[in-house]
Amino acid sequence: MDAGSPSLSPEKIWEEYERGVSYNTDLGLYDTVRQNENFFIGKQWEGVLAPDLDKPTFNILKRVVSYFISTIASDDVSAQVSAFGDETPSTEALLRAVSSEFDRVIENNRLKAKNRDCIRDAAVDGDACLYIWYDPDRAQGSFSTGEIVAEVIENTNVYFGNPQVEDIQRQPSILIARRVMLEEARKEALSFGGDPESIHSDDDPNGINRQLEHGKVTTLLRFWKQDGVVWFCKVCKNAVLRPPVKLGYKLYPLAWWCWDRVKNCYHGQSCITGLIPNQIFINKLYAMCMEHVKKMAFPKIAYNRALLPGGWSNRAGEAIPVNGDPNLALCANLGGADMSNQVISLIEKTISYTRDTMGASDAALGNIRPDNTSAIIAVQKSAQMPLELQRMAFYDFVEQYIRIFLEIMRVDYGLRYVNTSNQEGESFPQLTDFSQLEYLQLKLDVDVGAGSFWSELAQVQTMDNLLQNGIISDPITYLDSIPDGYIKNKAKMIAKLKEQQNLSPNSTNEFQERS
């Protein structure tokens, strides 16, 4: 196993992995991620030995993080490529095919859902990673095989060769640790000429929710660059699963994103790590309030045992025998001490201040009365300003994996049919040679458009303005551009207008005059 680097033995790669684990352990990454995950899902009393104490959970962290995810992920993703300089007809056809293939890959890999998972990982764990590879065994029609596959990887399973540098493309090497079934690893080693009997199951003490794992082995995917080209191999602790192979990419097939950048470290900071003490304080103080109410809210009866030899009875209408004069003080009502109002006030202020410091006000979370719609929208829009840095970082993350798609198409796609559209917008299958991307200087435009709750109203208003200003005059064009649900029987109206246009060529001018 040399591939131009004779030191690439399974033992050497495993030593790199152990150095990466040691680095993450010194950072406290595994404990931090485990704690953040528990607090996000509501397991906020782990390790507390108090069996008689009620353990309430007021999970303000999850609601705020869910707001962050929905705010950033309410965006649609599209990518377009263009060439520097003049474009020939063949170049234009190739670029249209590439743009169409981008949309198909995004749809087939459910990348919009995986974007939400990546945002959630970045917000809770500190980092998000998307691993993209080419699977030649996935068929696409009868002419060619192979598909682009994207997988979300946890930040605890990614190890940079230079952990002080955040830029993933500047790394000398990258390791991805994965837990697979033992039989699967042995089968893969056998298919590439390895010794399957040298592979044995192991454990992962730093993993999350892996206490019940059995019959699995840790495999390592190693990527490195040689002469500007990415190489790849796959090993376990003492065996080679896949020998080194030249992938041909100029970019590492991983996209990396940190929520808050930490200097001189490739791991970022989660938005909830520093606020977990606030969450603990809220839960503990409320637990004490509940304990006080249980013990002090209900009055107690104190009676003179010498005067009531039969004890006290709460039965309605029952006679109670008394020694001596029954007019004497037989009992007294002992009320509990009232709890200070400052306790509840402090809890409410802690919750409010915690949400505000995270950038989620009451207006952003919808905790206000909708008396003035315009004011609410303005306040919510201004409340999203603290997320602009994360939003731009997410856009950069999307652009990273779109560029990786382009690299994989250039190297692995070859000749295949792609559904594309001509200049008239008609869709048709086109035989495309993606290897021609090697000879083009391309400019990549990644558009991430906001899909907010008032965008449809803005679309209707824009179409009304275009119609009133005479920019559009065709009624069918106007109706086609109106979002569904705003005009009843829109399809029937369009069909009726088409019939009228066939009968009367001047119907469009009449519509414009009436408008």
Protein backbone atom coordinates (compact mmCIF):
# COMPACT_ATOMS: atom_id res chain seq x y z
CA MET A 1 0.00 0.00 0.00
CA ASP A 2 2.17 2.86 -1.24
CA ALA A 3 0.47 5.05 -3.84
CA GLY A 4 3.49 7.30 -3.84
CA SER A 5 3.53 7.37 -0.01
CA PRO A 6 5.17 4.24 1.49
CA SER A 7 4.13 5.23 5.02
CA LEU A 8 0.43 4.65 4.26
CA SER A 9 0.00 1.43 6.19
CA PRO A 10 -3.11 0.66 8.24
CA GLU A 11 -1.09 1.06 11.42
CA LYS A 12 0.17 4.52 10.39
CA ILE A 13 -3.32 5.67 9.44
CA TRP A 14 -4.66 4.34 12.74
CA GLU A 15 -2.01 6.39 14.56
CA GLU A 16 -3.27 9.49 12.72
CA TYR A 17 -6.77 8.61 13.87
CA GLU A 18 -5.66 8.25 17.50
CA ARG A 19 -3.92 11.63 17.34
CA GLY A 20 -7.16 13.14 16.05
CA VAL A 21 -9.14 11.49 18.86
CA SER A 22 -6.62 12.79 21.40
CA TYR A 23 -6.94 16.32 19.98
CA ASN A 24 -10.74 16.21 20.19
CA THR A 25 -10.57 14.78 23.71
CA ASP A 26 -8.29 17.60 24.86
CA LEU A 27 -10.82 20.06 23.43
CA GLY A 28 -13.60 18.32 25.34
CA LEU A 29 -15.44 17.81 22.05
CA TYR A 30 -16.98 14.43 22.83
CA ASP A 31 -18.31 15.48 26.24
CA THR A 32 -19.57 18.79 24.83
CA VAL A 33 -21.39 17.15 21.92
CA ARG A 34 -22.90 14.50 24.19
CA GLN A 35 -24.14 17.13 26.65
CA ASN A 36 -25.47 19.41 23.91
CA GLU A 37 -27.35 16.55 22.27
CA ASN A 38 -28.92 15.55 25.59
CA PHE A 39 -30.01 19.08 26.40
CA PHE A 40 -31.42 19.63 22.91
CA ILE A 41 -33.63 16.54 23.01
CA GLY A 42 -34.73 17.23 26.61
CA LYS A 43 -32.53 14.84 28.63
CA GLN A 44 -31.43 17.62 30.98
CA TRP A 45 -31.25 15.75 34.30
CA GLU A 46 -28.70 13.11 33.32
CA GLY A 47 -26.51 12.04 36.26
CA VAL A 48 -28.59 13.79 38.95
CA LEU A 49 -29.07 11.43 41.92
CA ALA A 50 -32.25 12.77 43.50
CA PRO A 51 -34.96 10.09 43.30
CA ASP A 52 -37.43 12.00 45.50
CA LEU A 53 -37.13 15.25 43.56
CA ASP A 54 -39.43 16.07 40.66
CA LYS A 55 -37.32 16.94 37.61
CA PRO A 56 -39.13 19.45 35.39
CA THR A 57 -37.67 20.39 32.01
CA PHE A 58 -38.35 23.76 30.39
CA ASN A 59 -36.43 23.27 27.17
CA ILE A 60 -35.94 26.81 25.91
CA LEU A 61 -32.80 25.79 23.99
CA LYS A 62 -34.65 23.47 21.62
CA ARG A 63 -37.27 26.04 20.72
CA VAL A 64 -34.67 28.67 19.91
CA VAL A 65 -32.51 26.26 17.89
CA SER A 66 -35.61 25.06 16.02
CA TYR A 67 -36.32 28.69 15.18
CA PHE A 68 -32.75 29.05 13.88
CA ILE A 69 -33.14 25.94 11.71
CA SER A 70 -36.47 27.03 10.24
CA THR A 71 -35.18 30.56 9.60
CA ILE A 72 -32.01 29.54 7.78
CA ALA A 73 -33.45 26.46 6.08
CA SER A 74 -36.49 28.28 4.66
CA ASP A 75 -34.39 28.82 1.56
CA ASP A 76 -34.42 27.09 -1.78
CA VAL A 77 -31.18 26.11 -3.50
CA SER A 78 -30.39 26.30 -7.19
CA ALA A 79 -27.12 26.42 -9.11
CA GLN A 80 -26.25 27.76 -12.54
CA VAL A 81 -22.97 27.57 -14.45
CA SER A 82 -21.69 29.84 -17.17
CA ALA A 83 -18.45 30.05 -19.11
CA PHE A 84 -15.99 32.91 -19.05
CA GLY A 85 -15.96 34.54 -22.46
CA ASP A 86 -18.09 33.70 -25.48
CA GLU A 87 -20.24 30.58 -25.43
CA THR A 88 -20.63 28.38 -28.48
CA PRO A 89 -23.91 26.50 -29.07
CA SER A 90 -22.29 23.24 -27.92
CA THR A 91 -20.99 24.94 -24.77
CA GLU A 92 -24.42 26.39 -24.02
CA ALA A 93 -26.00 22.94 -24.38
CA LEU A 94 -23.39 21.43 -22.04
CA LEU A 95 -23.94 24.11 -19.41
CA ARG A 96 -27.72 23.69 -19.57
CA ALA A 97 -27.22 19.96 -19.03
CA VAL A 98 -24.95 20.61 -16.03
CA SER A 99 -27.48 22.98 -14.45
CA SER A 100 -30.26 20.46 -15.02
CA GLU A 101 -28.13 17.71 -13.47
CA PHE A 102 -27.53 19.89 -10.41
CA ASP A 103 -31.29 20.05 -9.82
CA ARG A 104 -31.65 16.29 -10.28
CA VAL A 105 -28.83 15.47 -7.84
CA ILE A 106 -30.25 17.86 -5.24
CA GLU A 107 -33.69 16.25 -5.58
CA ASN A 108 -32.51 12.62 -5.62
CA ASN A 109 -30.33 13.08 -2.52
CA ARG A 110 -33.05 14.98 -0.64
CA LEU A 111 -30.50 17.69 -0.03
CA LYS A 112 -33.10 20.17 1.18
CA ALA A 113 -33.83 17.84 4.10
CA LYS A 114 -30.13 17.19 4.62
CA ASN A 115 -29.53 20.92 4.69
CA ARG A 116 -31.82 21.06 7.72
CA ASP A 117 -29.85 18.24 9.34
CA CYS A 118 -26.60 20.10 8.69
CA ILE A 119 -27.98 23.32 10.19
CA ARG A 120 -29.14 21.37 13.22
CA ASP A 121 -25.71 19.71 13.62
CA ALA A 122 -23.92 23.05 13.32
CA ALA A 123 -26.21 24.75 15.85
CA VAL A 124 -26.14 21.93 18.42
CA ASP A 125 -22.71 20.32 17.92
CA GLY A 126 -20.75 23.26 16.51
CA ASP A 127 -19.93 21.84 13.06
CA ALA A 128 -21.66 20.32 10.05
CA CYS A 129 -20.10 18.05 7.44
CA LEU A 130 -21.46 16.69 4.16
CA TYR A 131 -19.56 13.86 2.47
CA ILE A 132 -20.14 13.45 -1.27
CA TRP A 133 -18.98 10.50 -3.32
CA TYR A 134 -19.66 8.79 -6.64
CA ASP A 135 -21.39 5.42 -6.48
CA PRO A 136 -20.75 3.55 -9.76
CA ASP A 137 -23.18 0.78 -8.83
CA ARG A 138 -26.25 2.99 -8.98
CA ALA A 139 -27.73 2.78 -12.45
CA GLN A 140 -29.17 5.70 -14.39
CA GLY A 141 -30.88 4.33 -17.46
CA SER A 142 -29.28 1.84 -19.82
CA PHE A 143 -26.53 4.04 -21.27
CA SER A 144 -24.53 4.83 -18.14
CA THR A 145 -24.26 3.91 -14.50
CA GLY A 146 -23.30 5.84 -11.43
CA GLU A 147 -24.85 8.45 -9.18
CA ILE A 148 -23.67 11.18 -6.85
CA VAL A 149 -24.44 10.36 -3.21
CA ALA A 150 -24.39 12.79 -0.27
CA GLU A 151 -24.20 11.77 3.39
CA VAL A 152 -24.26 13.85 6.58
CA ILE A 153 -21.25 13.05 8.81
CA GLU A 154 -20.99 13.92 12.51
CA ASN A 155 -18.23 16.32 13.45
CA THR A 156 -16.86 13.82 15.98
CA ASN A 157 -16.04 11.47 13.10
CA VAL A 158 -14.01 13.90 10.95
CA TYR A 159 -10.31 14.47 11.61
CA PHE A 160 -8.24 17.10 9.81
CA GLY A 161 -4.55 16.54 9.16
CA ASN A 162 -3.88 20.10 10.33
CA PRO A 163 -6.46 20.77 13.07
CA GLN A 164 -5.40 24.41 13.44
CA VAL A 165 -6.68 25.27 9.94
CA GLU A 166 -10.42 25.51 9.30
CA ASP A 167 -10.22 25.57 5.48
CA ILE A 168 -10.93 22.00 4.43
CA GLN A 169 -9.28 22.33 1.01
CA ARG A 170 -5.95 23.33 2.59
CA GLN A 171 -5.67 20.14 4.61
CA PRO A 172 -2.77 17.74 3.96
CA SER A 173 -5.12 14.84 4.71
CA ILE A 174 -8.60 14.12 6.06
CA LEU A 175 -9.90 11.09 7.95
CA ILE A 176 -13.53 9.99 8.23
CA ALA A 177 -14.33 7.37 10.87
CA ARG A 178 -17.36 5.17 10.24
CA ARG A 179 -18.87 2.28 12.17
CA VAL A 180 -19.91 -0.61 9.91
CA MET A 181 -21.00 -4.19 10.47
CA LEU A 182 -18.12 -6.65 10.74
CA GLU A 183 -19.38 -8.86 7.91
CA GLU A 184 -19.70 -5.84 5.62
CA ALA A 185 -16.09 -4.83 6.28
CA ARG A 186 -14.81 -8.37 5.70
CA LYS A 187 -16.76 -8.65 2.46
CA GLU A 188 -15.33 -5.36 1.20
CA ALA A 189 -11.77 -6.39 2.09
CA LEU A 190 -12.22 -9.71 0.29
CA SER A 191 -13.53 -8.01 -2.87
CA PHE A 192 -10.33 -5.94 -3.08
CA GLY A 193 -7.94 -8.82 -2.39
CA GLY A 194 -7.51 -8.29 1.36
CA ASP A 195 -7.52 -10.73 4.26
CA PRO A 196 -10.99 -10.73 5.85
CA GLU A 197 -9.91 -12.86 8.82
CA SER A 198 -7.59 -10.10 10.04
CA ILE A 199 -10.58 -7.81 10.68
CA HIS A 200 -12.17 -8.00 14.13
CA SER A 201 -14.94 -6.10 15.85
CA ASP A 202 -14.07 -3.26 18.22
CA ASP A 203 -15.81 -0.52 20.18
CA ASP A 204 -15.99 3.25 20.02
CA PRO A 205 -15.78 4.72 23.54
CA ASN A 206 -16.21 8.26 22.23
CA GLY A 207 -19.38 7.57 20.26
CA ILE A 208 -22.83 8.80 21.20
CA ASN A 209 -25.59 6.25 22.01
CA ARG A 210 -23.33 3.32 21.14
CA GLN A 211 -23.50 1.40 24.41
CA LEU A 212 -25.53 -1.39 22.80
CA GLU A 213 -23.46 -1.76 19.64
CA HIS A 214 -22.28 -5.28 18.87
CA GLY A 215 -20.45 -6.81 15.94
CA LYS A 216 -19.19 -3.54 14.44
CA VAL A 217 -15.77 -2.30 13.42
CA THR A 218 -14.35 1.20 12.97
CA THR A 219 -13.26 1.91 9.39
CA LEU A 220 -11.21 4.91 8.31
CA LEU A 221 -11.52 6.72 4.99
CA ARG A 222 -8.35 8.69 4.29
CA PHE A 223 -8.18 11.45 1.67
CA TRP A 224 -5.02 13.27 0.67
CA LYS A 225 -3.74 15.33 -2.24
CA GLN A 226 -0.82 14.37 -4.40
CA ASP A 227 0.25 16.77 -7.17
CA GLY A 228 -3.02 18.65 -6.65
CA VAL A 229 -5.19 15.55 -7.18
CA VAL A 230 -7.20 13.78 -4.47
CA TRP A 231 -6.36 10.18 -3.52
CA PHE A 232 -8.38 7.84 -1.33
CA CYS A 233 -7.98 4.62 0.66
CA LYS A 234 -10.00 2.73 3.28
CA VAL A 235 -8.58 0.77 6.21
CA CYS A 236 -9.42 -0.54 9.65
CA LYS A 237 -7.03 -0.94 12.56
CA ASN A 238 -4.86 -3.66 11.07
CA ALA A 239 -6.18 -4.38 7.57
CA VAL A 240 -6.69 -2.70 4.22
CA LEU A 241 -10.26 -2.59 2.95
CA ARG A 242 -9.56 -0.59 -0.21
CA PRO A 243 -6.08 0.12 -1.54
CA PRO A 244 -5.16 3.68 -2.56
CA VAL A 245 -6.92 4.93 -5.68
CA LYS A 246 -6.59 8.18 -7.57
CA LEU A 247 -9.99 9.90 -7.58
CA GLY A 248 -8.95 12.64 -9.99
CA TYR A 249 -10.73 15.44 -8.12
CA LYS A 250 -9.08 18.75 -7.41
CA LEU A 251 -11.29 19.30 -4.35
CA TYR A 252 -11.77 17.12 -1.30
CA PRO A 253 -15.28 15.60 -1.50
CA LEU A 254 -16.33 17.11 1.81
CA ALA A 255 -18.12 20.36 2.70
CA TRP A 256 -17.47 21.79 6.17
CA TRP A 257 -19.28 24.48 8.14
CA CYS A 258 -18.75 25.89 11.65
CA TRP A 259 -21.57 27.70 13.47
CA ASP A 260 -19.25 30.12 15.29
CA ARG A 261 -15.63 30.10 14.20
CA VAL A 262 -12.99 29.44 16.86
CA LYS A 263 -9.53 30.78 16.09
CA ASN A 264 -6.75 28.27 15.48
CA CYS A 265 -9.16 25.32 15.53
CA TYR A 266 -11.16 23.52 12.86
CA HIS A 267 -14.05 22.87 15.25
CA GLY A 268 -16.60 25.62 15.81
CA GLN A 269 -18.67 26.64 18.80
CA SER A 270 -22.30 25.65 19.21
CA CYS A 271 -24.87 28.32 19.98
CA ILE A 272 -26.10 26.43 23.07
CA THR A 273 -22.82 25.38 24.72
CA GLY A 274 -22.39 28.56 26.75
CA LEU A 275 -26.07 28.72 27.73
CA ILE A 276 -26.45 25.26 29.22
CA PRO A 277 -25.76 26.66 32.76
CA ASN A 278 -28.75 28.97 32.23
CA GLN A 279 -30.91 25.99 31.31
CA ILE A 280 -29.71 24.07 34.37
CA PHE A 281 -30.47 27.04 36.63
CA ILE A 282 -34.00 27.37 35.24
CA ASN A 283 -34.74 23.67 35.73
CA LYS A 284 -33.25 23.53 39.24
CA LEU A 285 -35.02 26.65 40.46
CA TYR A 286 -38.35 25.43 39.12
CA ALA A 287 -37.78 22.05 40.77
CA MET A 288 -37.25 23.85 44.10
CA CYS A 289 -40.45 25.82 43.54
CA MET A 290 -42.38 22.62 42.92
CA GLU A 291 -40.90 21.07 46.06
CA HIS A 292 -41.90 24.12 48.11
CA VAL A 293 -45.48 23.97 46.81
CA LYS A 294 -45.73 20.26 47.60
CA LYS A 295 -44.57 20.75 51.18
CA MET A 296 -45.89 24.18 52.14
CA ALA A 297 -48.96 24.98 50.03
CA PHE A 298 -51.42 22.80 51.98
CA PRO A 299 -52.20 23.66 55.67
CA LYS A 300 -51.57 21.17 58.48
CA ILE A 301 -53.81 20.42 61.51
CA ALA A 302 -52.18 20.40 64.96
CA TYR A 303 -54.33 19.00 67.82
CA ASN A 304 -53.97 18.34 71.56
CA ARG A 305 -53.46 14.60 71.94
CA ALA A 306 -54.39 14.70 75.65
CA LEU A 307 -57.81 16.17 74.85
CA LEU A 308 -58.46 13.91 71.83
CA PRO A 309 -57.59 10.35 72.91
CA GLY A 310 -59.12 8.89 69.75
CA GLY A 311 -57.08 11.10 67.44
CA TRP A 312 -58.21 13.46 64.70
CA SER A 313 -60.80 12.49 62.08
CA ASN A 314 -61.71 14.18 58.80
CA ARG A 315 -64.95 12.27 58.30
CA ALA A 316 -67.92 14.54 57.73
CA GLY A 317 -70.46 14.66 60.60
CA GLU A 318 -68.59 12.19 62.80
CA ALA A 319 -68.65 12.84 66.58
CA ILE A 320 -65.23 13.20 68.20
CA PRO A 321 -64.81 12.16 71.86
CA VAL A 322 -63.09 14.81 73.99
CA ASN A 323 -61.47 14.62 77.42
CA GLY A 324 -62.48 17.68 79.41
CA ASP A 325 -64.14 20.88 78.28
CA PRO A 326 -64.84 20.82 74.49
CA ASN A 327 -64.75 24.60 74.42
CA LEU A 328 -61.02 24.61 75.00
CA ALA A 329 -58.63 24.95 72.08
CA LEU A 330 -58.50 21.43 70.73
CA CYS A 331 -56.64 22.12 67.44
CA ALA A 332 -55.04 24.83 65.32
CA ASN A 333 -54.59 25.38 61.58
CA LEU A 334 -50.90 25.79 60.74
CA GLY A 335 -50.45 27.48 57.36
CA GLY A 336 -47.25 27.15 55.29
CA ALA A 337 -44.82 29.94 54.53
CA ASP A 338 -45.42 31.79 51.27
CA MET A 339 -42.77 31.61 48.57
CA SER A 340 -41.19 34.89 47.49
CA ASN A 341 -42.45 36.27 44.18
CA GLN A 342 -38.84 37.05 43.28
CA VAL A 343 -38.26 33.38 42.52
CA ILE A 344 -40.77 33.21 39.66
CA SER A 345 -39.70 36.66 38.48
CA LEU A 346 -36.07 35.52 38.35
CA ILE A 347 -37.01 32.42 36.35
CA GLU A 348 -38.98 34.47 33.83
CA LYS A 349 -36.16 37.01 33.48
CA THR A 350 -33.59 34.26 33.02
CA ILE A 351 -35.68 32.69 30.26
CA SER A 352 -36.22 36.07 28.59
CA TYR A 353 -32.59 37.15 28.79
CA THR A 354 -31.36 33.76 27.55
CA ARG A 355 -33.60 33.92 24.48
CA ASP A 356 -32.61 37.53 23.82
CA THR A 357 -28.89 36.79 24.01
CA MET A 358 -29.37 33.90 21.59
CA GLY A 359 -31.06 36.29 19.15
CA ALA A 360 -34.62 34.97 19.48
CA SER A 361 -37.00 37.62 20.78
CA ASP A 362 -40.71 37.19 21.51
CA ALA A 363 -41.55 38.67 18.12
CA ALA A 364 -39.29 36.19 16.35
CA LEU A 365 -40.85 33.25 18.19
CA GLY A 366 -44.42 34.52 17.63
CA ASN A 367 -45.14 35.34 21.28
CA ILE A 368 -46.89 38.65 20.51
CA ARG A 369 -50.42 39.65 19.56
CA PRO A 370 -50.86 40.17 15.80
CA ASP A 371 -52.36 43.66 16.07
CA ASN A 372 -50.17 45.22 13.39
CA THR A 373 -49.06 42.84 10.64
CA SER A 374 -46.58 45.21 9.03
CA ALA A 375 -44.93 45.97 12.35
CA ILE A 376 -44.70 42.28 13.22
CA ILE A 377 -43.02 41.49 9.89
CA ALA A 378 -40.58 44.37 10.35
CA VAL A 379 -39.74 43.27 13.90
CA GLN A 380 -39.28 39.64 12.85
CA LYS A 381 -37.07 40.67 9.96
CA SER A 382 -34.89 42.77 12.25
CA ALA A 383 -34.81 39.90 14.74
CA GLN A 384 -33.22 37.71 12.08
CA MET A 385 -30.25 40.05 11.69
CA PRO A 386 -28.11 38.21 14.30
CA LEU A 387 -28.42 35.11 12.09
CA GLU A 388 -27.02 36.81 8.99
CA LEU A 389 -23.48 35.60 9.67
CA GLN A 390 -24.70 32.01 10.01
CA ARG A 391 -26.90 32.43 6.94
CA MET A 392 -23.96 33.59 4.82
CA ALA A 393 -21.82 30.75 6.20
CA PHE A 394 -24.57 28.31 5.21
CA TYR A 395 -24.64 29.77 1.69
CA ASP A 396 -20.89 29.20 1.48
CA PHE A 397 -21.44 25.63 2.70
CA VAL A 398 -23.97 25.05 -0.10
CA GLU A 399 -21.57 26.49 -2.66
CA GLN A 400 -18.87 24.10 -1.40
CA TYR A 401 -20.84 20.96 -2.15
CA ILE A 402 -22.16 22.33 -5.46
CA ARG A 403 -18.55 22.77 -6.60
CA ILE A 404 -17.84 19.20 -5.50
CA PHE A 405 -20.78 18.04 -7.65
CA LEU A 406 -19.16 19.78 -10.61
CA GLU A 407 -15.83 18.05 -9.92
CA ILE A 408 -17.46 14.61 -9.74
CA MET A 409 -19.37 15.25 -12.98
CA ARG A 410 -16.16 16.29 -14.71
CA VAL A 411 -14.25 13.18 -13.64
CA ASP A 412 -16.81 10.37 -13.33
CA TYR A 413 -19.90 11.14 -15.39
CA GLY A 414 -18.53 10.59 -18.87
CA LEU A 415 -21.14 10.23 -21.63
CA ARG A 416 -24.76 9.98 -20.51
CA TYR A 417 -28.27 11.20 -21.23
CA VAL A 418 -29.50 14.17 -19.23
CA ASN A 419 -32.95 15.75 -19.27
CA THR A 420 -32.45 19.37 -20.22
CA SER A 421 -34.44 22.18 -21.81
CA ASN A 422 -33.93 24.32 -24.88
CA GLN A 423 -34.24 28.08 -25.14
CA GLU A 424 -38.01 27.74 -25.58
CA GLY A 425 -38.26 25.89 -22.25
CA GLU A 426 -39.10 22.50 -23.80
CA SER A 427 -37.63 19.51 -21.93
CA PHE A 428 -35.92 16.66 -23.79
CA PRO A 429 -33.17 14.05 -23.16
CA GLN A 430 -29.74 15.09 -24.39
CA LEU A 431 -26.62 12.95 -24.77
CA THR A 432 -23.91 14.90 -22.94
CA ASP A 433 -20.17 14.36 -22.65
CA PHE A 434 -19.32 15.69 -19.19
CA SER A 435 -15.60 15.14 -19.73
CA GLN A 436 -15.65 18.33 -21.84
CA LEU A 437 -15.90 20.26 -18.57
CA GLU A 438 -12.15 19.70 -18.26
CA TYR A 439 -11.50 22.18 -21.06
CA LEU A 440 -13.85 24.95 -19.92
CA GLN A 441 -13.26 27.82 -17.55
CA LEU A 442 -16.53 27.95 -15.68
CA LYS A 443 -18.17 30.48 -13.41
CA LEU A 444 -20.47 28.99 -10.81
CA ASP A 445 -23.46 30.93 -9.48
CA VAL A 446 -25.21 29.39 -6.50
CA ASP A 447 -28.54 31.08 -5.80
CA VAL A 448 -30.18 30.52 -2.44
CA GLY A 449 -33.54 32.26 -2.48
CA ALA A 450 -35.54 33.07 0.63
CA GLY A 451 -38.91 31.36 0.85
CA SER A 452 -40.66 33.36 3.54
CA PHE A 453 -44.32 33.35 4.50
CA TRP A 454 -45.07 36.63 2.70
CA SER A 455 -43.24 35.86 -0.57
CA GLU A 456 -46.43 34.63 -2.30
CA LEU A 457 -48.21 37.87 -1.45
CA ALA A 458 -45.23 39.76 -2.85
CA GLN A 459 -45.52 37.69 -6.04
CA VAL A 460 -49.21 38.60 -6.43
CA GLN A 461 -48.50 42.27 -5.79
CA THR A 462 -45.63 42.26 -8.29
CA MET A 463 -47.80 40.69 -10.98
CA ASP A 464 -50.52 43.27 -10.34
CA ASN A 465 -48.00 46.08 -10.75
CA LEU A 466 -46.62 44.58 -13.97
CA LEU A 467 -50.15 44.33 -15.34
CA GLN A 468 -51.15 47.86 -14.34
CA ASN A 469 -47.98 49.34 -15.83
CA GLY A 470 -48.54 47.55 -19.12
CA ILE A 471 -45.36 45.47 -18.90
CA ILE A 472 -47.38 42.28 -19.40
CA SER A 473 -50.54 42.20 -21.46
CA ASP A 474 -51.36 38.52 -21.87
CA PRO A 475 -54.02 37.35 -19.37
CA ILE A 476 -52.76 33.77 -19.55
CA THR A 477 -49.25 34.86 -18.58
CA TYR A 478 -50.70 36.81 -15.67
CA LEU A 479 -52.77 33.88 -14.37
CA ASP A 480 -49.91 31.40 -14.81
CA SER A 481 -47.71 33.57 -12.61
CA ILE A 482 -50.22 33.81 -9.76
CA PRO A 483 -49.46 31.22 -7.02
CA ASP A 484 -51.95 28.41 -6.63
CA GLY A 485 -54.70 28.94 -4.09
CA TYR A 486 -55.25 32.67 -4.69
CA ILE A 487 -57.69 32.38 -7.61
CA LYS A 488 -60.45 29.79 -7.62
CA ASN A 489 -60.77 27.68 -10.80
CA LYS A 490 -57.60 29.20 -12.23
CA ALA A 491 -57.03 26.29 -14.63
CA LYS A 492 -60.57 26.59 -16.03
CA MET A 493 -60.10 30.33 -16.50
CA ILE A 494 -56.86 29.78 -18.41
CA ALA A 495 -58.51 27.17 -20.64
CA LYS A 496 -61.45 29.51 -21.29
CA LEU A 497 -59.10 32.39 -22.16
CA LYS A 498 -57.21 30.18 -24.60
CA GLU A 499 -60.48 29.35 -26.35
CA GLN A 500 -61.34 33.05 -26.55
CA GLN A 501 -57.91 33.87 -27.96
CA ASN A 502 -58.37 31.27 -30.67
CA LEU A 503 -61.74 32.80 -31.56
CA SER A 504 -60.81 36.47 -31.14
CA PRO A 505 -57.23 37.59 -31.87
CA ASN A 506 -57.94 40.98 -30.22
CA SER A 507 -58.85 39.51 -26.81
CA THR A 508 -55.43 40.32 -25.37
CA ASN A 509 -55.74 44.01 -26.25
CA GLU A 510 -59.22 44.10 -24.76
CA PHE A 511 -57.91 42.53 -21.53
CA GLN A 512 -55.14 45.11 -21.31
CA GLU A 513 -57.58 47.99 -21.84
CA ARG A 514 -59.91 46.68 -19.11
CA SER A 515 -56.97 46.24 -16.72
